[in-house]
C-alpha atoms as a PDB file:
ATOM      1  CA  UNK A   1      73.932 120.538  81.750  1.00  0.00           C
ATOM      2  CA  UNK A   2      73.015 117.095  83.094  1.00  0.00           C
ATOM      3  CA  UNK A   3      73.980 115.947  86.572  1.00  0.00           C
ATOM      4  CA  UNK A   4      76.497 113.481  85.118  1.00  0.00           C
ATOM      5  CA  UNK A   5      78.081 116.163  82.944  1.00  0.00           C
ATOM      6  CA  UNK A   6      78.303 118.543  85.877  1.00  0.00           C
ATOM      7  CA  UNK A   7      79.937 115.881  88.041  1.00  0.00           C
ATOM      8  CA  UNK A   8      82.497 115.107  85.333  1.00  0.00           C
ATOM      9  CA  UNK A   9      83.297 118.811  84.923  1.00  0.00           C
ATOM     10  CA  UNK A  10      83.743 119.255  88.664  1.00  0.00           C
ATOM     11  CA  UNK A  11      86.014 116.207  88.768  1.00  0.00           C
ATOM     12  CA  UNK A  12      88.180 117.661  86.000  1.00  0.00           C
ATOM     13  CA  UNK A  13      88.546 120.956  87.856  1.00  0.00           C
ATOM     14  CA  UNK A  14      89.459 119.108  91.047  1.00  0.00           C
ATOM     15  CA  UNK A  15      91.994 116.927  89.210  1.00  0.00           C
ATOM     16  CA  UNK A  16      93.705 119.987  87.733  1.00  0.00           C
ATOM     17  CA  UNK A  17      93.891 121.720  91.099  1.00  0.00           C
ATOM     18  CA  UNK A  18      95.185 118.611  92.867  1.00  0.00           C
ATOM     19  CA  UNK A  19      98.096 118.376  90.432  1.00  0.00           C
ATOM     20  CA  UNK A  20      99.541 121.416  92.186  1.00  0.00           C
ATOM     21  CA  UNK A  21      99.609 119.596  95.533  1.00  0.00           C
ATOM     22  CA  UNK A  22     102.989 118.073  94.688  1.00  0.00           C
ATOM     23  CA  UNK A  23     105.627 118.031  91.976  1.00  0.00           C
ATOM     24  CA  UNK A  24     106.865 121.237  90.309  1.00  0.00           C
ATOM     25  CA  UNK A  25     105.782 124.578  91.742  1.00  0.00           C
ATOM     26  CA  UNK A  26     104.548 125.701  88.330  1.00  0.00           C
ATOM     27  CA  UNK A  27     102.903 123.698  85.542  1.00  0.00           C
ATOM     28  CA  UNK A  28     101.986 124.517  81.963  1.00  0.00           C
ATOM     29  CA  UNK A  29      98.920 123.732  79.862  1.00  0.00           C
ATOM     30  CA  UNK A  30     100.616 121.022  77.797  1.00  0.00           C
ATOM     31  CA  UNK A  31     102.016 119.259  80.857  1.00  0.00           C
ATOM     32  CA  UNK A  32      98.656 119.245  82.647  1.00  0.00           C
ATOM     33  CA  UNK A  33      96.847 118.007  79.535  1.00  0.00           C
ATOM     34  CA  UNK A  34      99.354 115.170  79.131  1.00  0.00           C
ATOM     35  CA  UNK A  35      99.264 114.109  82.787  1.00  0.00           C
ATOM     36  CA  UNK A  36      95.470 114.102  82.985  1.00  0.00           C
ATOM     37  CA  UNK A  37      94.682 112.977  79.452  1.00  0.00           C
ATOM     38  CA  UNK A  38      92.569 116.072  78.745  1.00  0.00           C
ATOM     39  CA  UNK A  39      92.362 118.238  75.627  1.00  0.00           C
ATOM     40  CA  UNK A  40      94.479 121.377  75.898  1.00  0.00           C
ATOM     41  CA  UNK A  41      91.464 123.585  75.214  1.00  0.00           C
ATOM     42  CA  UNK A  42      89.613 122.090  78.198  1.00  0.00           C
ATOM     43  CA  UNK A  43      92.647 122.505  80.445  1.00  0.00           C
ATOM     44  CA  UNK A  44      93.054 126.119  79.372  1.00  0.00           C
ATOM     45  CA  UNK A  45      89.406 126.915  80.202  1.00  0.00           C
ATOM     46  CA  UNK A  46      89.760 125.329  83.624  1.00  0.00           C
ATOM     47  CA  UNK A  47      92.990 127.198  84.334  1.00  0.00           C
ATOM     48  CA  UNK A  48      91.393 130.483  83.307  1.00  0.00           C
ATOM     49  CA  UNK A  49      88.507 129.892  85.713  1.00  0.00           C
ATOM     50  CA  UNK A  50      90.871 128.981  88.572  1.00  0.00           C
ATOM     51  CA  UNK A  51      92.935 132.116  87.938  1.00  0.00           C
ATOM     52  CA  UNK A  52      89.754 134.234  87.966  1.00  0.00           C
ATOM     53  CA  UNK A  53      88.935 132.760  91.402  1.00  0.00           C
ATOM     54  CA  UNK A  54      92.538 133.337  92.563  1.00  0.00           C
ATOM     55  CA  UNK A  55      93.023 129.643  93.258  1.00  0.00           C
ATOM     56  CA  UNK A  56      95.833 129.757  90.700  1.00  0.00           C
ATOM     57  CA  UNK A  57      97.957 132.550  89.286  1.00  0.00           C
ATOM     58  CA  UNK A  58     100.126 132.845  86.205  1.00  0.00           C
ATOM     59  CA  UNK A  59     103.884 132.474  86.506  1.00  0.00           C
ATOM     60  CA  UNK A  60     105.382 134.519  83.640  1.00  0.00           C
ATOM     61  CA  UNK A  61     108.885 133.277  84.438  1.00  0.00           C
ATOM     62  CA  UNK A  62     108.053 129.777  83.213  1.00  0.00           C
ATOM     63  CA  UNK A  63     104.930 130.516  81.147  1.00  0.00           C
ATOM     64  CA  UNK A  64     102.884 128.395  83.490  1.00  0.00           C
ATOM     65  CA  UNK A  65     100.574 128.457  86.485  1.00  0.00           C
ATOM     66  CA  UNK A  66     101.098 128.076  90.224  1.00  0.00           C
ATOM     67  CA  UNK A  67      98.908 128.091  93.323  1.00  0.00           C
ATOM     68  CA  UNK A  68      97.358 131.444  94.126  1.00  0.00           C
ATOM     69  CA  UNK A  69      96.319 133.236  97.322  1.00  0.00           C
ATOM     70  CA  UNK A  70      92.862 131.654  97.254  1.00  0.00           C
ATOM     71  CA  UNK A  71      94.382 128.177  97.477  1.00  0.00           C
ATOM     72  CA  UNK A  72      96.681 129.316 100.286  1.00  0.00           C
ATOM     73  CA  UNK A  73      93.695 130.642 102.220  1.00  0.00           C
ATOM     74  CA  UNK A  74      91.813 127.357 101.778  1.00  0.00           C
ATOM     75  CA  UNK A  75      94.842 125.364 102.886  1.00  0.00           C
ATOM     76  CA  UNK A  76      95.373 127.504 105.966  1.00  0.00           C
ATOM     77  CA  UNK A  77      91.696 127.180 106.905  1.00  0.00           C
ATOM     78  CA  UNK A  78      91.818 123.417 106.419  1.00  0.00           C
ATOM     79  CA  UNK A  79      94.833 123.134 108.715  1.00  0.00           C
ATOM     80  CA  UNK A  80      93.260 125.322 111.385  1.00  0.00           C
ATOM     81  CA  UNK A  81      90.050 123.309 111.395  1.00  0.00           C
ATOM     82  CA  UNK A  82      91.465 119.807 110.949  1.00  0.00           C
ATOM     83  CA  UNK A  83      90.042 117.596 113.715  1.00  0.00           C
ATOM     84  CA  UNK A  84      92.944 115.197 113.274  1.00  0.00           C
ATOM     85  CA  UNK A  85      95.514 117.953 113.738  1.00  0.00           C
ATOM     86  CA  UNK A  86      93.636 119.392 116.711  1.00  0.00           C
ATOM     87  CA  UNK A  87      93.457 115.999 118.416  1.00  0.00           C
ATOM     88  CA  UNK A  88      97.054 115.113 117.628  1.00  0.00           C
ATOM     89  CA  UNK A  89      99.070 118.192 118.553  1.00  0.00           C
ATOM     90  CA  UNK A  90      98.944 117.935 122.389  1.00  0.00           C
ATOM     91  CA  UNK A  91      99.811 114.241 122.123  1.00  0.00           C
ATOM     92  CA  UNK A  92     102.681 114.927 119.719  1.00  0.00           C
ATOM     93  CA  UNK A  93     104.166 117.541 122.032  1.00  0.00           C
ATOM     94  CA  UNK A  94     104.354 114.945 124.782  1.00  0.00           C
ATOM     95  CA  UNK A  95     105.694 112.327 122.359  1.00  0.00           C
ATOM     96  CA  UNK A  96     108.472 114.655 121.224  1.00  0.00           C
ATOM     97  CA  UNK A  97     109.404 115.376 124.834  1.00  0.00           C
ATOM     98  CA  UNK A  98     109.489 111.654 125.616  1.00  0.00           C
ATOM     99  CA  UNK A  99     111.670 110.727 122.636  1.00  0.00           C
ATOM    100  CA  UNK A 100     113.703 113.850 121.967  1.00  0.00           C
ATOM    101  CA  UNK A 101     112.846 113.550 118.268  1.00  0.00           C
ATOM    102  CA  UNK A 102     110.460 115.244 115.845  1.00  0.00           C
ATOM    103  CA  UNK A 103     106.865 114.033 116.054  1.00  0.00           C
ATOM    104  CA  UNK A 104     104.533 114.382 113.052  1.00  0.00           C
ATOM    105  CA  UNK A 105     100.908 113.859 112.093  1.00  0.00           C
ATOM    106  CA  UNK A 106      99.812 112.949 108.553  1.00  0.00           C
ATOM    107  CA  UNK A 107      96.378 112.845 106.955  1.00  0.00           C
ATOM    108  CA  UNK A 108      95.167 110.533 104.225  1.00  0.00           C
ATOM    109  CA  UNK A 109      94.289 112.444 101.026  1.00  0.00           C
ATOM    110  CA  UNK A 110      93.413 111.479  97.466  1.00  0.00           C
ATOM    111  CA  UNK A 111      96.448 109.839  95.915  1.00  0.00           C
ATOM    112  CA  UNK A 112      98.557 109.723  99.067  1.00  0.00           C
ATOM    113  CA  UNK A 113      99.020 111.583 102.338  1.00  0.00           C
ATOM    114  CA  UNK A 114     100.149 114.979 103.582  1.00  0.00           C
ATOM    115  CA  UNK A 115     101.859 116.133 106.767  1.00  0.00           C
ATOM    116  CA  UNK A 116      99.439 118.295 108.742  1.00  0.00           C
ATOM    117  CA  UNK A 117     101.910 119.461 111.382  1.00  0.00           C
ATOM    118  CA  UNK A 118     104.993 118.594 113.394  1.00  0.00           C
ATOM    119  CA  UNK A 119     106.626 119.184 116.766  1.00  0.00           C
ATOM    120  CA  UNK A 120     110.318 119.582 116.063  1.00  0.00           C
ATOM    121  CA  UNK A 121     113.063 117.918 118.064  1.00  0.00           C
ATOM    122  CA  UNK A 122     114.967 120.223 120.440  1.00  0.00           C
ATOM    123  CA  UNK A 123     118.239 118.688 119.235  1.00  0.00           C
ATOM    124  CA  UNK A 124     120.533 120.618 116.909  1.00  0.00           C
ATOM    125  CA  UNK A 125     120.586 117.848 114.291  1.00  0.00           C
ATOM    126  CA  UNK A 126     116.993 116.853 113.619  1.00  0.00           C
ATOM    127  CA  UNK A 127     114.473 115.903 110.981  1.00  0.00           C
ATOM    128  CA  UNK A 128     111.818 118.327 109.746  1.00  0.00           C
ATOM    129  CA  UNK A 129     108.995 117.682 107.268  1.00  0.00           C
ATOM    130  CA  UNK A 130     107.239 119.717 104.576  1.00  0.00           C
ATOM    131  CA  UNK A 131     103.688 120.534 105.628  1.00  0.00           C
ATOM    132  CA  UNK A 132     100.987 120.108 102.970  1.00  0.00           C
ATOM    133  CA  UNK A 133     103.040 118.303 100.324  1.00  0.00           C
ATOM    134  CA  UNK A 134     101.480 115.087  99.045  1.00  0.00           C
ATOM    135  CA  UNK A 135     103.545 111.896  99.408  1.00  0.00           C
ATOM    136  CA  UNK A 136     102.843 108.446  97.920  1.00  0.00           C
ATOM    137  CA  UNK A 137     101.582 105.645 100.140  1.00  0.00           C
ATOM    138  CA  UNK A 138     104.227 103.088  99.196  1.00  0.00           C
ATOM    139  CA  UNK A 139     107.268 104.888 100.615  1.00  0.00           C
ATOM    140  CA  UNK A 140     108.043 105.374 104.299  1.00  0.00           C
ATOM    141  CA  UNK A 141     106.493 104.324 107.580  1.00  0.00           C
ATOM    142  CA  UNK A 142     103.882 107.098 107.857  1.00  0.00           C
ATOM    143  CA  UNK A 143     102.606 106.205 104.390  1.00  0.00           C
ATOM    144  CA  UNK A 144     102.751 102.438 104.866  1.00  0.00           C
ATOM    145  CA  UNK A 145     100.696 102.667 108.080  1.00  0.00           C
ATOM    146  CA  UNK A 146      97.882 104.304 106.136  1.00  0.00           C
ATOM    147  CA  UNK A 147      98.179 101.955 103.153  1.00  0.00           C
ATOM    148  CA  UNK A 148      98.107  98.845 105.376  1.00  0.00           C
ATOM    149  CA  UNK A 149      94.704  99.741 106.820  1.00  0.00           C
ATOM    150  CA  UNK A 150      92.936 100.978 103.696  1.00  0.00           C
ATOM    151  CA  UNK A 151      90.020  98.877 102.417  1.00  0.00           C
ATOM    152  CA  UNK A 152      91.354  95.909 100.444  1.00  0.00           C
ATOM    153  CA  UNK A 153      90.281  97.268  97.038  1.00  0.00           C
ATOM    154  CA  UNK A 154      92.080 100.581  97.582  1.00  0.00           C
ATOM    155  CA  UNK A 155      95.190  98.867  98.895  1.00  0.00           C
ATOM    156  CA  UNK A 156      95.283  96.497  95.927  1.00  0.00           C
ATOM    157  CA  UNK A 157      94.898  99.405  93.495  1.00  0.00           C
ATOM    158  CA  UNK A 158      98.021 101.055  94.930  1.00  0.00           C
ATOM    159  CA  UNK A 159      99.981  97.803  94.679  1.00  0.00           C
ATOM    160  CA  UNK A 160      98.791  97.245  91.103  1.00  0.00           C
ATOM    161  CA  UNK A 161      99.860 100.711  89.946  1.00  0.00           C
ATOM    162  CA  UNK A 162     103.402 101.675  89.006  1.00  0.00           C
ATOM    163  CA  UNK A 163     105.547 101.839  92.160  1.00  0.00           C
ATOM    164  CA  UNK A 164     108.496 104.159  91.695  1.00  0.00           C
ATOM    165  CA  UNK A 165     111.572 104.450  93.885  1.00  0.00           C
ATOM    166  CA  UNK A 166     111.808 107.649  95.929  1.00  0.00           C
ATOM    167  CA  UNK A 167     115.292 106.705  97.163  1.00  0.00           C
ATOM    168  CA  UNK A 168     117.545 103.718  96.614  1.00  0.00           C
ATOM    169  CA  UNK A 169     116.009 102.141  99.734  1.00  0.00           C
ATOM    170  CA  UNK A 170     112.361 102.413  98.660  1.00  0.00           C
ATOM    171  CA  UNK A 171     110.614  99.040  98.513  1.00  0.00           C
ATOM    172  CA  UNK A 172     109.164  98.731  94.988  1.00  0.00           C
ATOM    173  CA  UNK A 173     108.412  95.007  94.672  1.00  0.00           C
ATOM    174  CA  UNK A 174     104.599  94.648  95.145  1.00  0.00           C
ATOM    175  CA  UNK A 175     104.906  91.190  96.729  1.00  0.00           C
ATOM    176  CA  UNK A 176     107.484  92.352  99.272  1.00  0.00           C
ATOM    177  CA  UNK A 177     105.464  95.472  99.971  1.00  0.00           C
ATOM    178  CA  UNK A 178     102.353  93.358 100.570  1.00  0.00           C
ATOM    179  CA  UNK A 179     104.345  91.250 103.058  1.00  0.00           C
ATOM    180  CA  UNK A 180     105.306  94.440 104.887  1.00  0.00           C
ATOM    181  CA  UNK A 181     101.697  95.637 104.961  1.00  0.00           C
ATOM    182  CA  UNK A 182     100.608  92.295 106.412  1.00  0.00           C
ATOM    183  CA  UNK A 183     103.182  92.734 109.174  1.00  0.00           C
ATOM    184  CA  UNK A 184     102.013  96.285 109.872  1.00  0.00           C
ATOM    185  CA  UNK A 185      98.404  95.090 110.139  1.00  0.00           C
ATOM    186  CA  UNK A 186      99.465  92.487 112.678  1.00  0.00           C
ATOM    187  CA  UNK A 187     101.771  94.618 114.829  1.00  0.00           C
ATOM    188  CA  UNK A 188     100.120  98.027 114.464  1.00  0.00           C
ATOM    189  CA  UNK A 189     103.202 100.066 113.596  1.00  0.00           C
ATOM    190  CA  UNK A 190     105.859 100.509 110.900  1.00  0.00           C
ATOM    191  CA  UNK A 191     109.532 101.408 110.839  1.00  0.00           C
ATOM    192  CA  UNK A 192     111.606 102.724 107.966  1.00  0.00           C
ATOM    193  CA  UNK A 193     115.118 103.909 107.227  1.00  0.00           C
ATOM    194  CA  UNK A 194     115.940 106.068 104.225  1.00  0.00           C
ATOM    195  CA  UNK A 195     112.944 104.967 102.151  1.00  0.00           C
ATOM    196  CA  UNK A 196     111.539 108.450 101.551  1.00  0.00           C
ATOM    197  CA  UNK A 197     114.507 110.587 102.602  1.00  0.00           C
ATOM    198  CA  UNK A 198     118.069 109.311 102.735  1.00  0.00           C
ATOM    199  CA  UNK A 199     119.539 109.309 106.236  1.00  0.00           C
ATOM    200  CA  UNK A 200     116.160 109.548 107.950  1.00  0.00           C
ATOM    201  CA  UNK A 201     114.600 106.974 110.220  1.00  0.00           C
ATOM    202  CA  UNK A 202     111.004 106.844 111.434  1.00  0.00           C
ATOM    203  CA  UNK A 203     108.564 104.867 113.542  1.00  0.00           C
ATOM    204  CA  UNK A 204     104.874 105.370 112.736  1.00  0.00           C
ATOM    205  CA  UNK A 205     101.444 104.123 113.781  1.00  0.00           C
ATOM    206  CA  UNK A 206      98.003 104.501 112.159  1.00  0.00           C
ATOM    207  CA  UNK A 207      95.197 106.726 113.461  1.00  0.00           C
ATOM    208  CA  UNK A 208      91.538 105.759 113.027  1.00  0.00           C
ATOM    209  CA  UNK A 209      88.373 107.862 112.921  1.00  0.00           C
ATOM    210  CA  UNK A 210      84.955 107.295 114.422  1.00  0.00           C
ATOM    211  CA  UNK A 211      84.005 104.649 111.835  1.00  0.00           C
ATOM    212  CA  UNK A 212      87.239 102.702 112.171  1.00  0.00           C
ATOM    213  CA  UNK A 213      88.564 103.889 108.812  1.00  0.00           C
ATOM    214  CA  UNK A 214      92.222 104.910 108.807  1.00  0.00           C
ATOM    215  CA  UNK A 215      92.345 108.694 108.736  1.00  0.00           C
ATOM    216  CA  UNK A 216      96.073 109.267 109.041  1.00  0.00           C
ATOM    217  CA  UNK A 217      99.210 108.360 110.955  1.00  0.00           C
ATOM    218  CA  UNK A 218     101.685 109.755 113.433  1.00  0.00           C
ATOM    219  CA  UNK A 219     105.430 109.271 113.539  1.00  0.00           C
ATOM    220  CA  UNK A 220     108.620 109.901 115.422  1.00  0.00           C
ATOM    221  CA  UNK A 221     111.414 110.701 113.003  1.00  0.00           C
ATOM    222  CA  UNK A 222     115.078 111.600 113.237  1.00  0.00           C
ATOM    223  CA  UNK A 223     118.505 110.746 111.870  1.00  0.00           C
ATOM    224  CA  UNK A 224     118.638 107.011 111.188  1.00  0.00           C
ATOM    225  CA  UNK A 225     121.797 106.713 113.272  1.00  0.00           C
ATOM    226  CA  UNK A 226     119.845 107.779 116.375  1.00  0.00           C
ATOM    227  CA  UNK A 227     116.846 105.542 115.707  1.00  0.00           C
ATOM    228  CA  UNK A 228     118.773 102.283 116.015  1.00  0.00           C
ATOM    229  CA  UNK A 229     117.238  98.968 117.035  1.00  0.00           C
ATOM    230  CA  UNK A 230     117.533  99.572 120.780  1.00  0.00           C
ATOM    231  CA  UNK A 231     115.957 103.008 120.454  1.00  0.00           C
ATOM    232  CA  UNK A 232     113.150 101.674 118.277  1.00  0.00           C
ATOM    233  CA  UNK A 233     112.269  99.079 120.920  1.00  0.00           C
ATOM    234  CA  UNK A 234     111.786 101.910 123.433  1.00  0.00           C
ATOM    235  CA  UNK A 235     109.947 104.270 121.078  1.00  0.00           C
ATOM    236  CA  UNK A 236     107.481 101.824 119.487  1.00  0.00           C
ATOM    237  CA  UNK A 237     105.252 101.497 122.595  1.00  0.00           C
ATOM    238  CA  UNK A 238     105.194 105.284 122.972  1.00  0.00           C
ATOM    239  CA  UNK A 239     104.152 105.813 119.342  1.00  0.00           C
ATOM    240  CA  UNK A 240     101.470 103.120 119.504  1.00  0.00           C
ATOM    241  CA  UNK A 241     100.068 104.540 122.724  1.00  0.00           C
ATOM    242  CA  UNK A 242     100.036 108.057 121.262  1.00  0.00           C
ATOM    243  CA  UNK A 243      98.220 106.866 118.121  1.00  0.00           C
ATOM    244  CA  UNK A 244      95.643 105.051 120.255  1.00  0.00           C
ATOM    245  CA  UNK A 245      95.074 108.192 122.337  1.00  0.00           C
ATOM    246  CA  UNK A 246      94.464 110.267 119.207  1.00  0.00           C
ATOM    247  CA  UNK A 247      92.129 107.641 117.722  1.00  0.00           C
ATOM    248  CA  UNK A 248      90.093 107.639 120.940  1.00  0.00           C
ATOM    249  CA  UNK A 249      89.883 111.432 120.847  1.00  0.00           C
ATOM    250  CA  UNK A 250      88.436 111.057 117.335  1.00  0.00           C
ATOM    251  CA  UNK A 251      85.856 108.554 118.610  1.00  0.00           C
ATOM    252  CA  UNK A 252      87.410 105.176 117.754  1.00  0.00           C
ATOM    253  CA  UNK A 253      87.700 102.669 120.612  1.00  0.00           C
ATOM    254  CA  UNK A 254      88.044  99.395 118.723  1.00  0.00           C
ATOM    255  CA  UNK A 255      91.809  98.849 118.495  1.00  0.00           C
ATOM    256  CA  UNK A 256      93.304  97.721 115.182  1.00  0.00           C
ATOM    257  CA  UNK A 257      90.558  97.129 112.572  1.00  0.00           C
ATOM    258  CA  UNK A 258      90.737  93.943 110.518  1.00  0.00           C
ATOM    259  CA  UNK A 259      91.335  94.906 106.883  1.00  0.00           C
ATOM    260  CA  UNK A 260      91.796  91.364 105.546  1.00  0.00           C
END
């Protein structure tokens, strides 16, 4: 096997596994082959290998496959050892105390972002997030903060792809979304209301790593009725300061990078 062939094979295995990061809990051979444009025979061989390694397991109820205990172990290890999560959690605890709302940290991943952790609001009615599920970069403030500071080529690729509505409030016009990203680059934070989850409001800011590349974002989220304009004006400086603290803990001291 040549190096190029081996790389292509590894990429196919990774693509199959990453399909299980979001969407239906279980997927079948035909669905995976269609989504990835692979022959069914190739998909079946990959699935068999992943089942052997316990990264996937069969789901007889739907004649498909779902994540196995090996994948769960990898995910748990990744969360435990995430530098971003480790740096963010003490800051998020303070942020939640200051605002009375849920504070979250998200990481950039291939094809979107995932929530790494959260500090839940002490209030009876509150927002909670699903840890580890992949979300697109076009919907919601946590996603938009990451998208705004990606390298220009990556940002343009997202805007050029099909942008689907997550809720009736999701911004799907590429030109309007680009205008929003320009604003986020200038002001260093994003707000949203009902764009990813109806009834939810959020204020988010980007987090940067040692090299100045955006590595994730943090947010304060709660019922949209509580995050009104007056509240946002008070919370925005707290979120921006918290994001800056986390970025500095990760080694970045340069403020907002210029992404053009």
